């Protein structure tokens, strides 16, 4: 399986692949559930390259470590999934 860092890089730099609607799901340790957000609500954290800055549906910004990203959808189709279980 491709590391999430590589997939995010491909979405950013491969123009043909990246011109789609992407969503990610990350594990929220407080809610103990997966949170699914559109990729346009996500940016790579400037201070630390192993985190994503995510604006959730409630408008609150969260810093999410890349190891908590569990799945990515492209135009509604699952294109990446982490097989690791949440800790």
N, C-alpha and C. Protein backbone atom coordinates (compact mmCIF):
# COMPACT_ATOMS: atom_id res chain seq x y z
N UNK A 1 0.84 -1.17 0.00
CA UNK A 1 0.00 0.00 0.00
C UNK A 1 0.89 1.24 0.00
N UNK A 2 0.46 2.23 -0.74
CA UNK A 2 1.15 3.52 -0.84
C UNK A 2 1.00 4.29 0.48
N UNK A 3 2.08 4.89 0.99
CA UNK A 3 1.95 5.72 2.19
C UNK A 3 1.05 6.93 1.91
N UNK A 4 0.35 7.40 2.94
CA UNK A 4 -0.57 8.52 2.76
C UNK A 4 0.17 9.76 2.27
N UNK A 5 1.42 9.95 2.68
CA UNK A 5 2.19 11.10 2.22
C UNK A 5 2.35 11.07 0.70
N UNK A 6 2.58 9.89 0.14
CA UNK A 6 2.74 9.75 -1.31
C UNK A 6 1.42 10.02 -2.04
N UNK A 7 0.32 9.53 -1.49
CA UNK A 7 -0.97 9.77 -2.12
C UNK A 7 -1.31 11.26 -2.10
N UNK A 8 -1.08 11.93 -0.99
CA UNK A 8 -1.35 13.37 -0.92
C UNK A 8 -0.47 14.14 -1.90
N UNK A 9 0.77 13.71 -2.07
CA UNK A 9 1.65 14.31 -3.06
C UNK A 9 1.14 14.10 -4.47
N UNK A 10 0.65 12.91 -4.76
CA UNK A 10 0.11 12.64 -6.10
C UNK A 10 -1.12 13.50 -6.37
N UNK A 11 -1.99 13.63 -5.39
CA UNK A 11 -3.17 14.48 -5.56
C UNK A 11 -2.75 15.91 -5.87
N UNK A 12 -1.72 16.37 -5.20
CA UNK A 12 -1.26 17.75 -5.37
C UNK A 12 -0.55 17.97 -6.70
N UNK A 13 0.29 17.03 -7.13
CA UNK A 13 1.17 17.28 -8.26
C UNK A 13 0.75 16.60 -9.55
N UNK A 14 -0.06 15.56 -9.52
CA UNK A 14 -0.54 14.88 -10.73
C UNK A 14 -1.86 15.54 -11.14
N UNK A 15 -1.77 16.45 -12.10
CA UNK A 15 -2.94 17.26 -12.46
C UNK A 15 -4.12 16.42 -12.93
N UNK A 16 -3.87 15.38 -13.70
CA UNK A 16 -4.97 14.54 -14.19
C UNK A 16 -5.66 13.80 -13.04
N UNK A 17 -4.87 13.26 -12.13
CA UNK A 17 -5.42 12.51 -11.00
C UNK A 17 -6.06 13.46 -9.98
N UNK A 18 -5.45 14.61 -9.76
CA UNK A 18 -5.89 15.53 -8.72
C UNK A 18 -7.13 16.32 -9.05
N UNK A 19 -7.56 16.31 -10.32
CA UNK A 19 -8.77 17.04 -10.67
C UNK A 19 -10.00 16.17 -10.42
N UNK A 20 -10.30 16.03 -9.15
CA UNK A 20 -11.44 15.21 -8.72
C UNK A 20 -11.87 15.72 -7.36
N UNK A 21 -12.95 15.18 -6.87
CA UNK A 21 -13.43 15.54 -5.54
C UNK A 21 -12.92 14.47 -4.57
N UNK A 22 -12.07 14.88 -3.63
CA UNK A 22 -11.48 13.96 -2.67
C UNK A 22 -12.06 14.20 -1.28
N UNK A 23 -12.15 13.11 -0.52
CA UNK A 23 -12.52 13.17 0.89
C UNK A 23 -11.55 12.28 1.65
N UNK A 24 -11.26 12.67 2.88
CA UNK A 24 -10.45 11.81 3.74
C UNK A 24 -11.25 11.47 4.99
N UNK A 25 -10.88 10.36 5.60
CA UNK A 25 -11.45 9.99 6.89
C UNK A 25 -10.28 9.81 7.85
N UNK A 26 -10.41 10.44 9.00
CA UNK A 26 -9.38 10.28 10.03
C UNK A 26 -10.04 9.81 11.31
N UNK A 27 -9.25 9.14 12.14
CA UNK A 27 -9.76 8.62 13.40
C UNK A 27 -9.71 9.72 14.45
N UNK A 28 -10.85 10.05 15.01
CA UNK A 28 -10.94 11.03 16.09
C UNK A 28 -10.87 10.27 17.41
N UNK A 29 -9.80 10.48 18.16
CA UNK A 29 -9.59 9.73 19.40
C UNK A 29 -10.59 10.11 20.49
N UNK A 30 -11.07 11.35 20.47
CA UNK A 30 -12.02 11.77 21.50
C UNK A 30 -13.38 11.15 21.23
N UNK A 31 -13.86 11.28 20.00
CA UNK A 31 -15.16 10.72 19.64
C UNK A 31 -15.10 9.23 19.38
N UNK A 32 -13.89 8.69 19.21
CA UNK A 32 -13.68 7.27 18.93
C UNK A 32 -14.44 6.81 17.70
N UNK A 33 -14.33 7.61 16.65
CA UNK A 33 -15.01 7.31 15.39
C UNK A 33 -14.21 7.91 14.24
N UNK A 34 -14.56 7.50 13.03
CA UNK A 34 -13.96 8.11 11.85
C UNK A 34 -14.72 9.37 11.49
N UNK A 35 -13.97 10.41 11.16
CA UNK A 35 -14.54 11.68 10.72
C UNK A 35 -14.17 11.85 9.25
N UNK A 36 -15.17 12.05 8.42
CA UNK A 36 -14.95 12.18 6.98
C UNK A 36 -15.10 13.64 6.59
N UNK A 37 -14.07 14.19 5.91
CA UNK A 37 -14.09 15.61 5.53
C UNK A 37 -13.63 15.76 4.08
N UNK A 38 -14.16 16.77 3.38
CA UNK A 38 -13.68 17.06 2.02
C UNK A 38 -12.22 17.52 2.07
N UNK A 39 -11.46 17.14 1.06
CA UNK A 39 -10.04 17.49 1.04
C UNK A 39 -9.83 19.00 0.98
N UNK A 40 -10.79 19.75 0.45
CA UNK A 40 -10.63 21.20 0.41
C UNK A 40 -10.64 21.81 1.81
N UNK A 41 -11.06 21.04 2.82
CA UNK A 41 -11.02 21.49 4.22
C UNK A 41 -9.75 21.05 4.93
N UNK A 42 -8.78 20.56 4.16
CA UNK A 42 -7.56 19.99 4.72
C UNK A 42 -6.36 20.68 4.10
N UNK A 43 -5.35 20.95 4.94
CA UNK A 43 -4.08 21.46 4.42
C UNK A 43 -2.95 20.83 5.22
N UNK A 44 -1.79 20.74 4.59
CA UNK A 44 -0.62 20.21 5.28
C UNK A 44 -0.16 21.25 6.28
N UNK A 45 0.02 20.84 7.52
CA UNK A 45 0.44 21.77 8.56
C UNK A 45 1.78 22.38 8.20
N UNK A 46 1.88 23.70 8.30
CA UNK A 46 3.12 24.39 7.92
C UNK A 46 4.26 24.08 8.88
N UNK A 47 3.98 23.99 10.16
CA UNK A 47 5.03 23.79 11.15
C UNK A 47 5.54 22.35 11.20
N UNK A 48 4.68 21.39 10.94
CA UNK A 48 5.07 19.98 11.05
C UNK A 48 4.49 19.22 9.86
N UNK A 49 5.33 18.58 9.10
CA UNK A 49 4.89 17.91 7.87
C UNK A 49 4.27 16.55 8.11
N UNK A 50 4.09 16.17 9.36
CA UNK A 50 3.46 14.90 9.67
C UNK A 50 2.05 15.10 10.22
N UNK A 51 1.52 16.31 10.03
CA UNK A 51 0.19 16.65 10.51
C UNK A 51 -0.61 17.31 9.39
N UNK A 52 -1.93 17.16 9.48
CA UNK A 52 -2.85 17.87 8.61
C UNK A 52 -3.63 18.86 9.46
N UNK A 53 -3.88 20.02 8.92
CA UNK A 53 -4.80 20.96 9.55
C UNK A 53 -6.15 20.72 8.90
N UNK A 54 -7.14 20.36 9.70
CA UNK A 54 -8.47 19.99 9.20
C UNK A 54 -9.51 20.91 9.82
N UNK A 55 -10.39 21.43 8.98
CA UNK A 55 -11.54 22.20 9.46
C UNK A 55 -12.74 21.26 9.37
N UNK A 56 -13.25 20.87 10.51
CA UNK A 56 -14.37 19.92 10.59
C UNK A 56 -15.68 20.61 10.21
N UNK A 57 -16.72 19.82 10.07
CA UNK A 57 -18.02 20.35 9.66
C UNK A 57 -18.58 21.36 10.65
N UNK A 58 -18.12 21.31 11.90
CA UNK A 58 -18.58 22.28 12.91
C UNK A 58 -17.78 23.59 12.85
N UNK A 59 -16.82 23.68 11.89
CA UNK A 59 -16.02 24.89 11.72
C UNK A 59 -14.80 24.97 12.61
N UNK A 60 -14.60 23.98 13.45
CA UNK A 60 -13.46 23.96 14.35
C UNK A 60 -12.25 23.33 13.65
N UNK A 61 -11.09 23.98 13.79
CA UNK A 61 -9.85 23.47 13.19
C UNK A 61 -9.20 22.46 14.13
N UNK A 62 -8.69 21.38 13.54
CA UNK A 62 -8.01 20.33 14.29
C UNK A 62 -6.67 20.05 13.63
N UNK A 63 -5.70 19.66 14.42
CA UNK A 63 -4.43 19.20 13.89
C UNK A 63 -4.44 17.67 13.99
N UNK A 64 -4.34 17.01 12.84
CA UNK A 64 -4.48 15.55 12.79
C UNK A 64 -3.18 14.94 12.31
N UNK A 65 -2.57 14.04 13.10
CA UNK A 65 -1.37 13.36 12.62
C UNK A 65 -1.70 12.47 11.42
N UNK A 66 -0.78 12.39 10.48
CA UNK A 66 -1.02 11.59 9.28
C UNK A 66 -1.31 10.13 9.59
N UNK A 67 -0.75 9.61 10.68
CA UNK A 67 -0.99 8.19 10.99
C UNK A 67 -2.44 7.92 11.40
N UNK A 68 -3.24 8.97 11.63
CA UNK A 68 -4.65 8.75 11.95
C UNK A 68 -5.56 8.84 10.73
N UNK A 69 -5.00 9.14 9.57
CA UNK A 69 -5.80 9.11 8.34
C UNK A 69 -6.07 7.64 8.01
N UNK A 70 -7.32 7.30 7.81
CA UNK A 70 -7.70 5.90 7.61
C UNK A 70 -8.19 5.58 6.20
N UNK A 71 -8.72 6.59 5.46
CA UNK A 71 -9.25 6.29 4.14
C UNK A 71 -9.31 7.57 3.31
N UNK A 72 -9.26 7.38 1.97
CA UNK A 72 -9.37 8.49 1.02
C UNK A 72 -10.30 8.04 -0.10
N UNK A 73 -11.24 8.91 -0.46
CA UNK A 73 -12.16 8.67 -1.57
C UNK A 73 -11.89 9.67 -2.68
N UNK A 74 -12.00 9.22 -3.92
CA UNK A 74 -11.87 10.07 -5.10
C UNK A 74 -13.17 9.95 -5.88
N UNK A 75 -13.89 11.04 -6.00
CA UNK A 75 -15.20 11.05 -6.66
C UNK A 75 -16.10 9.93 -6.14
N UNK A 76 -16.06 9.72 -4.83
CA UNK A 76 -16.93 8.74 -4.18
C UNK A 76 -16.40 7.32 -4.14
N UNK A 77 -15.30 7.05 -4.85
CA UNK A 77 -14.71 5.70 -4.86
C UNK A 77 -13.55 5.63 -3.88
N UNK A 78 -13.52 4.60 -3.06
CA UNK A 78 -12.42 4.40 -2.12
C UNK A 78 -11.15 4.11 -2.91
N UNK A 79 -10.11 4.95 -2.74
CA UNK A 79 -8.86 4.76 -3.47
C UNK A 79 -7.70 4.42 -2.54
N UNK A 80 -7.89 4.61 -1.24
CA UNK A 80 -6.82 4.31 -0.29
C UNK A 80 -7.45 4.00 1.05
N UNK A 81 -6.91 2.98 1.73
CA UNK A 81 -7.41 2.63 3.04
C UNK A 81 -6.27 2.09 3.89
N UNK A 82 -6.21 2.52 5.12
CA UNK A 82 -5.20 2.05 6.06
C UNK A 82 -5.77 0.79 6.72
N UNK A 83 -4.96 -0.23 6.79
CA UNK A 83 -5.43 -1.46 7.41
C UNK A 83 -5.10 -1.54 8.90
N UNK A 84 -4.46 -0.48 9.43
CA UNK A 84 -4.13 -0.42 10.85
C UNK A 84 -5.35 -0.10 11.67
N UNK A 85 -5.46 -0.73 12.82
CA UNK A 85 -6.57 -0.45 13.73
C UNK A 85 -6.20 0.74 14.61
N UNK A 86 -7.18 1.57 14.99
CA UNK A 86 -6.90 2.71 15.87
C UNK A 86 -6.36 2.24 17.20
N UNK A 87 -5.45 3.03 17.77
CA UNK A 87 -4.87 2.69 19.07
C UNK A 87 -5.74 3.19 20.20
